[in-house]
Each structure stands twice: as structure tokens, then as C-alpha cells.
Amino acid sequence: MIQNTFGYLPEYIVADAGYGSEQNYMAIIDDFNKTPLITYGMFIKDKTRKFKSDIFNT
């Protein structure tokens, strides 16, 4: 773990979308008091025009 190696954690925790779960967000915020910079799994698809215009996508 980074904290064990360097003795501290950076202010911003960066990871890829595979780690973008609510449980991970809450652990970073609540347990470590840090800011998560992790996209969620549907981030790219959410940004497309077709996805936004489909009324069945909420």
C-alpha cells in the first residue's frame, strides 16, 4: 500500500474505471479523508449524444 511505503497518501486518489464503485468512493472519502478522481464504468457512454437522448437511460 502506498501509505505504508511512503508514510502518507496523496490528496487525490486516481484510478481507472474498474475501481469506480460507490464502496470505493465512500472508503476514500470517509476512511482516508481524500478526494477520489475515479471515473465510473459508464462514464464514456454517458457522454455520448445517443446515450443522452435515449429516454430509457436514467
PDB file of N, CA and C in Angstrom:
ATOM      1  N   MET A   1       0.843  -1.173   0.000  1.00  0.00           N
ATOM      2  CA  MET A   1       0.000   0.000   0.000  1.00  0.00           C
ATOM      3  C   MET A   1       0.890   1.240   0.000  1.00  0.00           C
ATOM      4  N   ILE A   2       0.444   2.262  -0.680  1.00  0.00           N
ATOM      5  CA  ILE A   2       1.224   3.497  -0.814  1.00  0.00           C
ATOM      6  C   ILE A   2       1.525   4.115   0.542  1.00  0.00           C
ATOM      7  N   GLN A   3       0.534   4.108   1.408  1.00  0.00           N
ATOM      8  CA  GLN A   3       0.706   4.734   2.726  1.00  0.00           C
ATOM      9  C   GLN A   3       1.816   4.047   3.524  1.00  0.00           C
ATOM     10  N   ASN A   4       1.908   2.737   3.435  1.00  0.00           N
ATOM     11  CA  ASN A   4       2.953   2.007   4.156  1.00  0.00           C
ATOM     12  C   ASN A   4       4.337   2.292   3.574  1.00  0.00           C
ATOM     13  N   THR A   5       4.424   2.460   2.268  1.00  0.00           N
ATOM     14  CA  THR A   5       5.701   2.698   1.612  1.00  0.00           C
ATOM     15  C   THR A   5       6.213   4.115   1.826  1.00  0.00           C
ATOM     16  N   PHE A   6       5.350   5.103   1.607  1.00  0.00           N
ATOM     17  CA  PHE A   6       5.771   6.500   1.652  1.00  0.00           C
ATOM     18  C   PHE A   6       5.411   7.219   2.949  1.00  0.00           C
ATOM     19  N   GLY A   7       4.563   6.607   3.770  1.00  0.00           N
ATOM     20  CA  GLY A   7       4.190   7.217   5.041  1.00  0.00           C
ATOM     21  C   GLY A   7       3.010   8.170   4.968  1.00  0.00           C
ATOM     22  N   TYR A   8       2.483   8.413   3.774  1.00  0.00           N
ATOM     23  CA  TYR A   8       1.318   9.293   3.615  1.00  0.00           C
ATOM     24  C   TYR A   8       0.592   8.929   2.318  1.00  0.00           C
ATOM     25  N   LEU A   9      -0.618   9.425   2.175  1.00  0.00           N
ATOM     26  CA  LEU A   9      -1.375   9.275   0.935  1.00  0.00           C
ATOM     27  C   LEU A   9      -1.479  10.625   0.247  1.00  0.00           C
ATOM     28  N   PRO A  10      -1.477  10.653  -1.075  1.00  0.00           N
ATOM     29  CA  PRO A  10      -1.668  11.923  -1.771  1.00  0.00           C
ATOM     30  C   PRO A  10      -3.088  12.450  -1.543  1.00  0.00           C
ATOM     31  N   GLU A  11      -3.302  13.733  -1.771  1.00  0.00           N
ATOM     32  CA  GLU A  11      -4.625  14.345  -1.570  1.00  0.00           C
ATOM     33  C   GLU A  11      -5.658  13.766  -2.531  1.00  0.00           C
ATOM     34  N   TYR A  12      -5.247  13.480  -3.762  1.00  0.00           N
ATOM     35  CA  TYR A  12      -6.158  12.960  -4.781  1.00  0.00           C
ATOM     36  C   TYR A  12      -5.815  11.509  -5.078  1.00  0.00           C
ATOM     37  N   ILE A  13      -6.814  10.631  -4.999  1.00  0.00           N
ATOM     38  CA  ILE A  13      -6.634   9.216  -5.294  1.00  0.00           C
ATOM     39  C   ILE A  13      -7.120   8.983  -6.722  1.00  0.00           C
ATOM     40  N   VAL A  14      -6.224   8.542  -7.603  1.00  0.00           N
ATOM     41  CA  VAL A  14      -6.528   8.365  -9.021  1.00  0.00           C
ATOM     42  C   VAL A  14      -6.520   6.877  -9.350  1.00  0.00           C
ATOM     43  N   ALA A  15      -7.553   6.436 -10.086  1.00  0.00           N
ATOM     44  CA  ALA A  15      -7.629   5.039 -10.517  1.00  0.00           C
ATOM     45  C   ALA A  15      -8.473   4.967 -11.783  1.00  0.00           C
ATOM     46  N   ASP A  16      -8.427   3.825 -12.461  1.00  0.00           N
ATOM     47  CA  ASP A  16      -9.245   3.689 -13.668  1.00  0.00           C
ATOM     48  C   ASP A  16     -10.671   3.285 -13.304  1.00  0.00           C
ATOM     49  N   ALA A  17     -11.529   3.187 -14.317  1.00  0.00           N
ATOM     50  CA  ALA A  17     -12.960   2.959 -14.104  1.00  0.00           C
ATOM     51  C   ALA A  17     -13.267   1.633 -13.415  1.00  0.00           C
ATOM     52  N   GLY A  18     -12.365   0.690 -13.463  1.00  0.00           N
ATOM     53  CA  GLY A  18     -12.588  -0.587 -12.796  1.00  0.00           C
ATOM     54  C   GLY A  18     -12.733  -0.463 -11.290  1.00  0.00           C
ATOM     55  N   TYR A  19     -12.236   0.617 -10.722  1.00  0.00           N
ATOM     56  CA  TYR A  19     -12.324   0.850  -9.282  1.00  0.00           C
ATOM     57  C   TYR A  19     -13.413   1.856  -8.926  1.00  0.00           C
ATOM     58  N   GLY A  20     -14.200   2.287  -9.907  1.00  0.00           N
ATOM     59  CA  GLY A  20     -15.211   3.319  -9.693  1.00  0.00           C
ATOM     60  C   GLY A  20     -16.513   2.803  -9.125  1.00  0.00           C
ATOM     61  N   SER A  21     -16.482   2.241  -7.931  1.00  0.00           N
ATOM     62  CA  SER A  21     -17.707   1.778  -7.275  1.00  0.00           C
ATOM     63  C   SER A  21     -18.047   2.700  -6.109  1.00  0.00           C
ATOM     64  N   GLU A  22     -19.307   2.680  -5.718  1.00  0.00           N
ATOM     65  CA  GLU A  22     -19.731   3.513  -4.593  1.00  0.00           C
ATOM     66  C   GLU A  22     -18.961   3.148  -3.323  1.00  0.00           C
ATOM     67  N   GLN A  23     -18.714   1.868  -3.134  1.00  0.00           N
ATOM     68  CA  GLN A  23     -17.974   1.410  -1.956  1.00  0.00           C
ATOM     69  C   GLN A  23     -16.563   2.008  -1.930  1.00  0.00           C
ATOM     70  N   ASN A  24     -15.896   2.042  -3.066  1.00  0.00           N
ATOM     71  CA  ASN A  24     -14.551   2.623  -3.123  1.00  0.00           C
ATOM     72  C   ASN A  24     -14.573   4.126  -2.911  1.00  0.00           C
ATOM     73  N   TYR A  25     -15.562   4.815  -3.518  1.00  0.00           N
ATOM     74  CA  TYR A  25     -15.684   6.262  -3.310  1.00  0.00           C
ATOM     75  C   TYR A  25     -15.862   6.574  -1.829  1.00  0.00           C
ATOM     76  N   MET A  26     -16.769   5.843  -1.182  1.00  0.00           N
ATOM     77  CA  MET A  26     -17.064   6.108   0.226  1.00  0.00           C
ATOM     78  C   MET A  26     -15.860   5.792   1.116  1.00  0.00           C
ATOM     79  N   ALA A  27     -15.129   4.730   0.814  1.00  0.00           N
ATOM     80  CA  ALA A  27     -13.948   4.388   1.607  1.00  0.00           C
ATOM     81  C   ALA A  27     -12.893   5.487   1.503  1.00  0.00           C
ATOM     82  N   ILE A  28     -12.666   5.996   0.309  1.00  0.00           N
ATOM     83  CA  ILE A  28     -11.668   7.055   0.125  1.00  0.00           C
ATOM     84  C   ILE A  28     -12.075   8.315   0.873  1.00  0.00           C
ATOM     85  N   ILE A  29     -13.347   8.679   0.765  1.00  0.00           N
ATOM     86  CA  ILE A  29     -13.828   9.905   1.407  1.00  0.00           C
ATOM     87  C   ILE A  29     -13.915   9.754   2.923  1.00  0.00           C
ATOM     88  N   ASP A  30     -14.561   8.697   3.382  1.00  0.00           N
ATOM     89  CA  ASP A  30     -14.822   8.538   4.816  1.00  0.00           C
ATOM     90  C   ASP A  30     -13.620   8.024   5.605  1.00  0.00           C
ATOM     91  N   ASP A  31     -12.959   6.990   5.094  1.00  0.00           N
ATOM     92  CA  ASP A  31     -11.871   6.359   5.846  1.00  0.00           C
ATOM     93  C   ASP A  31     -10.544   7.105   5.727  1.00  0.00           C
ATOM     94  N   PHE A  32     -10.279   7.669   4.541  1.00  0.00           N
ATOM     95  CA  PHE A  32      -8.982   8.307   4.317  1.00  0.00           C
ATOM     96  C   PHE A  32      -9.053   9.825   4.211  1.00  0.00           C
ATOM     97  N   ASN A  33     -10.266  10.378   4.145  1.00  0.00           N
ATOM     98  CA  ASN A  33     -10.471  11.827   4.041  1.00  0.00           C
ATOM     99  C   ASN A  33      -9.694  12.419   2.860  1.00  0.00           C
ATOM    100  N   LYS A  34      -9.776  11.740   1.716  1.00  0.00           N
ATOM    101  CA  LYS A  34      -9.098  12.162   0.488  1.00  0.00           C
ATOM    102  C   LYS A  34     -10.120  12.351  -0.623  1.00  0.00           C
ATOM    103  N   THR A  35      -9.694  12.888  -1.752  1.00  0.00           N
ATOM    104  CA  THR A  35     -10.577  13.148  -2.885  1.00  0.00           C
ATOM    105  C   THR A  35     -10.367  12.089  -3.963  1.00  0.00           C
ATOM    106  N   PRO A  36     -11.410  11.320  -4.319  1.00  0.00           N
ATOM    107  CA  PRO A  36     -11.269  10.317  -5.377  1.00  0.00           C
ATOM    108  C   PRO A  36     -11.408  10.944  -6.759  1.00  0.00           C
ATOM    109  N   LEU A  37     -10.501  10.632  -7.659  1.00  0.00           N
ATOM    110  CA  LEU A  37     -10.587  11.034  -9.065  1.00  0.00           C
ATOM    111  C   LEU A  37     -10.684   9.758  -9.888  1.00  0.00           C
ATOM    112  N   ILE A  38     -11.840   9.109  -9.791  1.00  0.00           N
ATOM    113  CA  ILE A  38     -12.062   7.814 -10.419  1.00  0.00           C
ATOM    114  C   ILE A  38     -13.334   7.905 -11.257  1.00  0.00           C
ATOM    115  N   THR A  39     -13.229   7.647 -12.546  1.00  0.00           N
ATOM    116  CA  THR A  39     -14.438   7.626 -13.364  1.00  0.00           C
ATOM    117  C   THR A  39     -15.219   6.358 -13.067  1.00  0.00           C
ATOM    118  N   TYR A  40     -16.519   6.414 -13.264  1.00  0.00           N
ATOM    119  CA  TYR A  40     -17.348   5.236 -13.073  1.00  0.00           C
ATOM    120  C   TYR A  40     -17.436   4.469 -14.389  1.00  0.00           C
ATOM    121  N   GLY A  41     -17.913   3.248 -14.349  1.00  0.00           N
ATOM    122  CA  GLY A  41     -17.896   2.362 -15.507  1.00  0.00           C
ATOM    123  C   GLY A  41     -18.602   2.869 -16.748  1.00  0.00           C
ATOM    124  N   MET A  42     -19.677   3.633 -16.607  1.00  0.00           N
ATOM    125  CA  MET A  42     -20.452   4.128 -17.752  1.00  0.00           C
ATOM    126  C   MET A  42     -20.071   5.552 -18.142  1.00  0.00           C
ATOM    127  N   PHE A  43     -18.988   6.084 -17.643  1.00  0.00           N
ATOM    128  CA  PHE A  43     -18.622   7.484 -17.861  1.00  0.00           C
ATOM    129  C   PHE A  43     -18.541   7.846 -19.342  1.00  0.00           C
ATOM    130  N   ILE A  44     -17.823   7.065 -20.122  1.00  0.00           N
ATOM    131  CA  ILE A  44     -17.644   7.366 -21.544  1.00  0.00           C
ATOM    132  C   ILE A  44     -18.985   7.296 -22.279  1.00  0.00           C
ATOM    133  N   LYS A  45     -19.757   6.250 -21.998  1.00  0.00           N
ATOM    134  CA  LYS A  45     -21.051   6.095 -22.664  1.00  0.00           C
ATOM    135  C   LYS A  45     -22.009   7.217 -22.272  1.00  0.00           C
ATOM    136  N   ASP A  46     -21.995   7.648 -21.019  1.00  0.00           N
ATOM    137  CA  ASP A  46     -22.860   8.738 -20.555  1.00  0.00           C
ATOM    138  C   ASP A  46     -22.624  10.029 -21.323  1.00  0.00           C
ATOM    139  N   LYS A  47     -21.444  10.225 -21.842  1.00  0.00           N
ATOM    140  CA  LYS A  47     -21.092  11.470 -22.514  1.00  0.00           C
ATOM    141  C   LYS A  47     -21.499  11.505 -23.984  1.00  0.00           C
ATOM    142  N   THR A  48     -21.961  10.387 -24.541  1.00  0.00           N
ATOM    143  CA  THR A  48     -22.338  10.365 -25.947  1.00  0.00           C
ATOM    144  C   THR A  48     -23.731  10.955 -26.155  1.00  0.00           C
ATOM    145  N   ARG A  49     -23.944  11.556 -27.302  1.00  0.00           N
ATOM    146  CA  ARG A  49     -25.236  12.180 -27.620  1.00  0.00           C
ATOM    147  C   ARG A  49     -26.346  11.131 -27.693  1.00  0.00           C
ATOM    148  N   LYS A  50     -26.070   9.984 -28.295  1.00  0.00           N
ATOM    149  CA  LYS A  50     -27.085   8.935 -28.428  1.00  0.00           C
ATOM    150  C   LYS A  50     -27.553   8.456 -27.058  1.00  0.00           C
ATOM    151  N   PHE A  51     -26.638   8.260 -26.145  1.00  0.00           N
ATOM    152  CA  PHE A  51     -26.993   7.792 -24.805  1.00  0.00           C
ATOM    153  C   PHE A  51     -27.834   8.833 -24.077  1.00  0.00           C
ATOM    154  N   LYS A  52     -27.475  10.100 -24.203  1.00  0.00           N
ATOM    155  CA  LYS A  52     -28.212  11.172 -23.526  1.00  0.00           C
ATOM    156  C   LYS A  52     -29.623  11.329 -24.075  1.00  0.00           C
ATOM    157  N   SER A  53     -29.811  11.105 -25.380  1.00  0.00           N
ATOM    158  CA  SER A  53     -31.119  11.326 -25.991  1.00  0.00           C
ATOM    159  C   SER A  53     -32.079  10.152 -25.818  1.00  0.00           C
ATOM    160  N   ASP A  54     -31.608   9.001 -25.387  1.00  0.00           N
ATOM    161  CA  ASP A  54     -32.467   7.836 -25.181  1.00  0.00           C
ATOM    162  C   ASP A  54     -33.245   8.008 -23.881  1.00  0.00           C
ATOM    163  N   ILE A  55     -34.573   8.061 -23.973  1.00  0.00           N
ATOM    164  CA  ILE A  55     -35.396   8.326 -22.781  1.00  0.00           C
ATOM    165  C   ILE A  55     -35.364   7.187 -21.773  1.00  0.00           C
ATOM    166  N   PHE A  56     -34.920   5.999 -22.180  1.00  0.00           N
ATOM    167  CA  PHE A  56     -34.875   4.867 -21.266  1.00  0.00           C
ATOM    168  C   PHE A  56     -33.594   4.825 -20.432  1.00  0.00           C
ATOM    169  N   ASN A  57     -32.636   5.662 -20.730  1.00  0.00           N
ATOM    170  CA  ASN A  57     -31.413   5.761 -19.930  1.00  0.00           C
ATOM    171  C   ASN A  57     -31.639   6.790 -18.837  1.00  0.00           C
ATOM    172  N   THR A  58     -31.480   6.370 -17.610  1.00  0.00           N
ATOM    173  CA  THR A  58     -31.695   7.312 -16.496  1.00  0.00           C
ATOM    174  C   THR A  58     -30.429   7.567 -15.751  1.00  0.00           C
TER     175      THR A  58
END
